[in-house]
N, C-alpha and C. Protein backbone atom coordinates (compact mmCIF):
# COMPACT_ATOMS: atom_id res chain seq x y z
N MET A 1 99.84 79.97 94.24
CA MET A 1 100.34 80.10 95.88
C MET A 1 99.78 81.57 96.42
N LEU A 2 100.34 82.51 95.84
CA LEU A 2 100.31 83.75 96.61
C LEU A 2 99.10 84.40 95.88
N LEU A 3 98.48 83.82 95.10
CA LEU A 3 96.89 84.53 94.47
C LEU A 3 95.84 83.85 95.60
N SER A 4 96.24 82.37 95.75
CA SER A 4 95.19 81.95 97.02
C SER A 4 95.36 82.37 98.05
N ASN A 5 96.56 82.64 98.68
CA ASN A 5 96.74 83.41 100.01
C ASN A 5 96.39 84.72 100.00
N ARG A 6 96.01 85.24 99.01
CA ARG A 6 95.72 86.52 98.90
C ARG A 6 96.61 87.33 99.19
N GLU A 7 98.07 87.18 98.71
CA GLU A 7 99.27 88.22 99.29
C GLU A 7 99.48 88.98 97.87
N VAL A 8 98.64 88.58 96.90
CA VAL A 8 99.02 89.85 95.41
C VAL A 8 98.01 91.06 96.09
N VAL A 9 98.34 92.21 95.36
CA VAL A 9 97.52 93.42 95.21
C VAL A 9 97.36 93.93 94.09
N MET A 10 96.41 94.61 93.67
CA MET A 10 96.18 94.62 91.79
C MET A 10 96.13 96.69 92.44
N HIS A 11 97.35 96.93 91.62
CA HIS A 11 96.80 98.94 91.33
C HIS A 11 95.81 98.93 90.60
N SER A 12 95.27 100.18 90.85
CA SER A 12 93.60 100.38 89.79
C SER A 12 94.52 101.06 88.52
N CYS A 13 95.62 101.57 88.39
CA CYS A 13 96.68 102.20 87.32
C CYS A 13 96.65 100.87 86.15
N LEU A 14 97.32 100.00 87.13
CA LEU A 14 97.66 98.75 86.53
C LEU A 14 96.38 98.13 85.10
N ALA A 15 95.16 97.64 86.55
CA ALA A 15 93.90 96.85 85.98
C ALA A 15 93.71 97.76 84.85
N ALA A 16 93.50 99.32 84.60
CA ALA A 16 93.11 100.06 83.91
C ALA A 16 94.01 100.04 82.48
N GLU A 17 95.56 99.86 82.70
CA GLU A 17 96.38 99.43 81.57
C GLU A 17 96.02 98.38 80.76
N LEU A 18 95.65 97.52 81.93
CA LEU A 18 95.50 96.00 81.13
C LEU A 18 94.40 95.84 80.33
N ALA A 19 93.26 96.78 80.93
CA ALA A 19 91.86 96.76 80.26
C ALA A 19 91.99 97.32 78.75
N LEU A 20 92.58 98.30 78.42
CA LEU A 20 93.36 99.04 77.54
C LEU A 20 93.55 97.81 76.50
N GLY A 21 94.31 96.60 76.89
CA GLY A 21 94.52 96.07 75.51
C GLY A 21 93.86 94.74 75.41
N SER A 22 94.02 93.45 74.56
CA SER A 22 93.23 92.70 74.35
C SER A 22 93.48 91.04 75.04
N LEU A 23 92.39 90.83 75.83
CA LEU A 23 92.64 89.85 77.00
C LEU A 23 91.44 88.68 76.52
N ARG A 24 91.95 87.92 76.83
CA ARG A 24 91.68 86.44 76.38
C ARG A 24 90.49 86.80 77.45
N ASN A 25 89.58 86.32 77.34
CA ASN A 25 88.03 85.77 78.41
C ASN A 25 87.83 87.57 78.83
N ARG A 26 87.77 88.40 78.33
CA ARG A 26 87.94 89.48 78.58
C ARG A 26 87.36 90.04 79.82
N PRO A 27 85.63 89.47 79.63
CA PRO A 27 84.65 89.81 81.06
C PRO A 27 85.81 89.54 82.73
N ARG A 28 85.60 88.24 82.54
CA ARG A 28 85.83 87.69 83.20
C ARG A 28 87.29 87.83 84.03
N THR A 29 88.33 87.91 82.91
CA THR A 29 89.67 88.50 83.60
C THR A 29 89.47 89.66 84.12
N LEU A 30 88.57 90.49 83.95
CA LEU A 30 88.54 92.04 84.20
C LEU A 30 87.79 92.05 86.02
N VAL A 31 86.65 91.26 85.79
CA VAL A 31 86.32 90.31 87.23
C VAL A 31 87.18 90.34 88.13
N ARG A 32 88.20 88.97 87.69
CA ARG A 32 89.14 88.69 88.53
C ARG A 32 90.26 89.93 89.29
N LEU A 33 90.49 90.50 88.12
CA LEU A 33 91.63 91.68 88.61
C LEU A 33 90.97 92.72 89.54
N ASP A 34 89.54 92.72 89.76
CA ASP A 34 89.03 94.03 90.00
C ASP A 34 88.24 92.90 91.46
N ARG A 35 88.83 91.70 91.77
CA ARG A 35 88.57 91.07 93.31
C ARG A 35 89.52 91.18 93.76
N LEU A 36 90.50 91.25 93.28
CA LEU A 36 92.04 91.33 93.61
C LEU A 36 92.17 92.00 95.10
N PRO A 37 92.74 92.25 96.22
CA PRO A 37 92.92 93.13 96.97
C PRO A 37 93.88 93.90 96.19
N GLN A 38 93.27 95.69 96.75
CA GLN A 38 93.73 96.95 96.04
C GLN A 38 95.05 97.30 96.58
N ALA A 39 95.78 97.92 96.04
CA ALA A 39 97.20 98.62 96.61
C ALA A 39 96.95 99.67 97.01
N ARG A 40 97.50 100.38 97.64
CA ARG A 40 97.01 102.03 97.87
C ARG A 40 97.23 102.72 97.02
N VAL A 41 96.90 103.83 96.49
CA VAL A 41 97.06 104.75 95.44
C VAL A 41 97.30 105.84 95.60
N VAL A 42 98.61 106.51 95.24
CA VAL A 42 98.82 108.16 95.97
C VAL A 42 98.21 108.71 94.87
N ALA A 43 98.14 109.94 95.57
CA ALA A 43 97.65 111.42 94.28
C ALA A 43 98.87 111.69 93.73
N LEU A 44 98.26 112.18 92.65
CA LEU A 44 98.89 112.81 91.24
C LEU A 44 99.72 113.60 92.02
N ARG A 45 99.50 114.95 92.23
CA ARG A 45 99.90 115.54 93.01
C ARG A 45 101.54 115.25 94.04
N ASP A 46 101.40 114.29 94.53
CA ASP A 46 102.37 113.50 95.48
C ASP A 46 103.31 112.32 94.73
N ILE A 47 102.61 112.21 93.44
CA ILE A 47 103.88 111.83 92.38
C ILE A 47 104.30 112.53 91.62
N ARG A 48 103.87 113.44 91.55
CA ARG A 48 104.71 114.19 90.51
C ARG A 48 105.59 114.92 91.65
N GLN A 49 105.38 115.37 92.98
CA GLN A 49 106.61 115.51 93.60
C GLN A 49 107.61 114.53 93.52
N MET A 50 106.87 113.20 93.57
CA MET A 50 108.15 112.14 94.05
C MET A 50 109.49 112.42 93.02
N ILE A 51 108.48 112.58 91.96
CA ILE A 51 109.46 112.25 90.69
C ILE A 51 110.56 113.60 90.29
N GLU A 52 110.32 114.48 90.93
CA GLU A 52 111.22 115.84 91.16
C GLU A 52 112.11 115.62 92.35
N VAL A 53 111.49 115.26 93.35
CA VAL A 53 112.76 114.86 94.67
C VAL A 53 113.71 114.17 94.20
N ARG A 54 113.24 112.87 94.16
CA ARG A 54 113.96 111.28 93.98
C ARG A 54 114.37 111.29 92.52
N GLY A 55 114.28 112.78 91.42
CA GLY A 55 114.80 112.64 90.55
C GLY A 55 114.28 111.34 89.24
N LEU A 56 113.03 111.13 88.78
CA LEU A 56 113.01 109.89 88.68
C LEU A 56 112.46 110.57 87.12
N TYR A 57 112.89 111.44 86.87
CA TYR A 57 112.83 111.66 85.14
C TYR A 57 113.51 111.43 84.08
N ALA A 58 113.62 111.17 82.84
CA ALA A 58 114.53 110.30 82.18
C ALA A 58 115.23 109.19 82.38
N LYS A 59 114.33 108.63 83.28
CA LYS A 59 115.28 106.96 83.35
C LYS A 59 114.36 106.07 82.80
N GLY A 60 113.53 106.64 81.80
CA GLY A 60 112.47 104.99 80.98
C GLY A 60 111.15 104.71 81.90
N ILE A 61 110.90 105.35 82.89
CA ILE A 61 109.29 104.99 83.33
C ILE A 61 108.58 105.69 82.86
N GLY A 62 107.19 105.11 82.98
CA GLY A 62 106.02 106.15 82.84
C GLY A 62 105.49 106.44 83.90
N LEU A 63 104.10 107.02 84.09
CA LEU A 63 103.45 107.82 84.71
C LEU A 63 102.79 106.02 85.37
N THR A 64 102.56 105.17 85.03
CA THR A 64 102.00 103.96 85.71
C THR A 64 103.12 103.55 86.59
N ASP A 65 103.97 103.39 86.17
CA ASP A 65 105.55 102.61 86.74
C ASP A 65 105.31 103.47 87.90
N ALA A 66 105.49 104.81 87.96
CA ALA A 66 105.75 105.73 89.27
C ALA A 66 104.69 105.56 89.83
N HIS A 67 103.31 105.52 89.62
CA HIS A 67 102.08 105.07 90.79
C HIS A 67 102.56 103.78 91.01
N LEU A 68 103.42 102.66 90.54
CA LEU A 68 103.41 101.13 91.21
C LEU A 68 104.62 101.71 92.37
N VAL A 69 105.54 102.33 91.97
CA VAL A 69 106.67 102.74 92.49
C VAL A 69 106.04 103.10 94.02
N ALA A 70 105.44 104.21 93.66
CA ALA A 70 104.35 104.97 95.04
C ALA A 70 103.89 104.25 95.89
N SER A 71 103.36 103.40 95.14
CA SER A 71 101.97 102.40 96.36
C SER A 71 103.19 102.00 97.06
N CYS A 72 104.57 101.11 96.37
CA CYS A 72 105.26 100.05 97.16
C CYS A 72 106.20 100.95 98.13
N LEU A 73 106.32 102.17 97.88
CA LEU A 73 107.10 102.75 99.23
C LEU A 73 105.82 103.15 100.07
N ILE A 74 104.84 103.47 100.26
CA ILE A 74 103.74 103.65 101.40
C ILE A 74 103.57 102.22 102.00
N THR A 75 103.56 101.24 101.27
CA THR A 75 103.64 100.15 101.70
C THR A 75 104.64 99.39 102.31
N PRO A 76 105.73 99.34 102.95
CA PRO A 76 106.48 99.01 103.38
C PRO A 76 106.20 97.46 103.23
N GLY A 77 107.34 96.57 102.35
CA GLY A 77 107.42 95.76 102.93
C GLY A 77 106.66 95.04 101.65
N THR A 78 105.91 95.48 100.38
CA THR A 78 105.89 94.98 99.26
C THR A 78 106.94 94.74 98.18
N HIS A 79 106.56 94.13 97.68
CA HIS A 79 107.46 93.80 96.52
C HIS A 79 106.54 94.07 95.16
N LEU A 80 107.69 93.98 93.95
CA LEU A 80 107.05 94.52 93.04
C LEU A 80 107.59 93.49 91.86
N TRP A 81 106.74 92.81 91.26
CA TRP A 81 106.59 91.97 90.20
C TRP A 81 106.95 92.45 89.10
N THR A 82 107.85 92.49 87.72
CA THR A 82 107.73 93.20 86.65
C THR A 82 108.75 92.93 85.84
N ARG A 83 108.78 92.70 84.49
CA ARG A 83 109.92 92.54 83.03
C ARG A 83 110.31 93.46 82.81
N ASP A 84 109.57 94.50 83.25
CA ASP A 84 110.24 95.72 82.75
C ASP A 84 111.94 95.88 83.35
N THR A 85 112.91 96.31 82.94
CA THR A 85 114.51 96.91 83.26
C THR A 85 113.93 98.03 84.16
N ALA A 86 113.64 98.88 83.17
CA ALA A 86 114.08 99.93 83.76
C ALA A 86 113.28 100.40 85.01
N LEU A 87 111.81 100.01 85.18
CA LEU A 87 111.19 99.95 86.17
C LEU A 87 111.69 98.96 87.33
N ARG A 88 112.60 98.22 87.11
CA ARG A 88 112.92 97.58 88.13
C ARG A 88 113.93 98.10 88.40
N GLY A 89 114.89 98.20 87.79
CA GLY A 89 116.07 99.34 88.07
C GLY A 89 115.59 100.64 89.23
N VAL A 90 114.72 101.36 88.70
CA VAL A 90 113.88 102.43 89.35
C VAL A 90 113.74 102.00 90.70
N ALA A 91 113.17 101.30 91.01
CA ALA A 91 112.30 100.43 92.04
C ALA A 91 114.08 99.77 92.98
N LYS A 92 114.84 99.37 92.97
CA LYS A 92 115.74 98.59 93.19
C LYS A 92 116.60 99.93 94.11
N THR A 93 116.82 101.32 93.32
CA THR A 93 117.43 102.28 93.67
C THR A 93 116.80 102.61 94.81
N MET A 94 115.48 102.76 94.89
CA MET A 94 114.25 103.25 96.16
C MET A 94 114.50 102.26 96.78
N GLY A 95 115.24 100.97 96.65
CA GLY A 95 114.86 100.36 97.93
C GLY A 95 113.84 99.41 98.09
N ILE A 96 112.79 99.22 96.73
CA ILE A 96 112.10 98.33 96.96
C ILE A 96 112.24 96.96 96.03
N ASP A 97 111.80 96.13 96.55
CA ASP A 97 112.38 94.86 96.49
C ASP A 97 111.72 94.03 94.84
N ALA A 98 112.51 94.37 93.87
CA ALA A 98 111.65 94.49 92.58
C ALA A 98 112.29 93.41 91.84
N ARG A 99 111.33 92.30 91.72
CA ARG A 99 111.66 90.98 91.05
C ARG A 99 111.36 90.94 89.37
N LEU A 100 111.53 89.77 89.22
CA LEU A 100 111.05 89.18 87.43
C LEU A 100 110.25 88.32 87.81
N PRO A 101 108.80 88.03 87.66
CA PRO A 101 107.84 87.05 87.62
C PRO A 101 108.66 85.51 87.46
């Protein structure tokens, strides 16, 4: 339902992370990911600043996770769907609606 209503956005960092893995029907899957609406991407220097200002170091998240958090912050109302406990915890402390898929 969310996909058919175009209510899901893809972050380019996440698409790249997925492309590094083993995907069933790889060409088709990658094309479908690329066709999703794209999340706004925050510049790396701004990610770095967010890490320091918000104290996101040593929280168990990585760079891609920080990118996802930053994109959610600049797009109010965005929900973050993740099974990653550390990412979900960081997102929630920053006021992002983080949910289990």
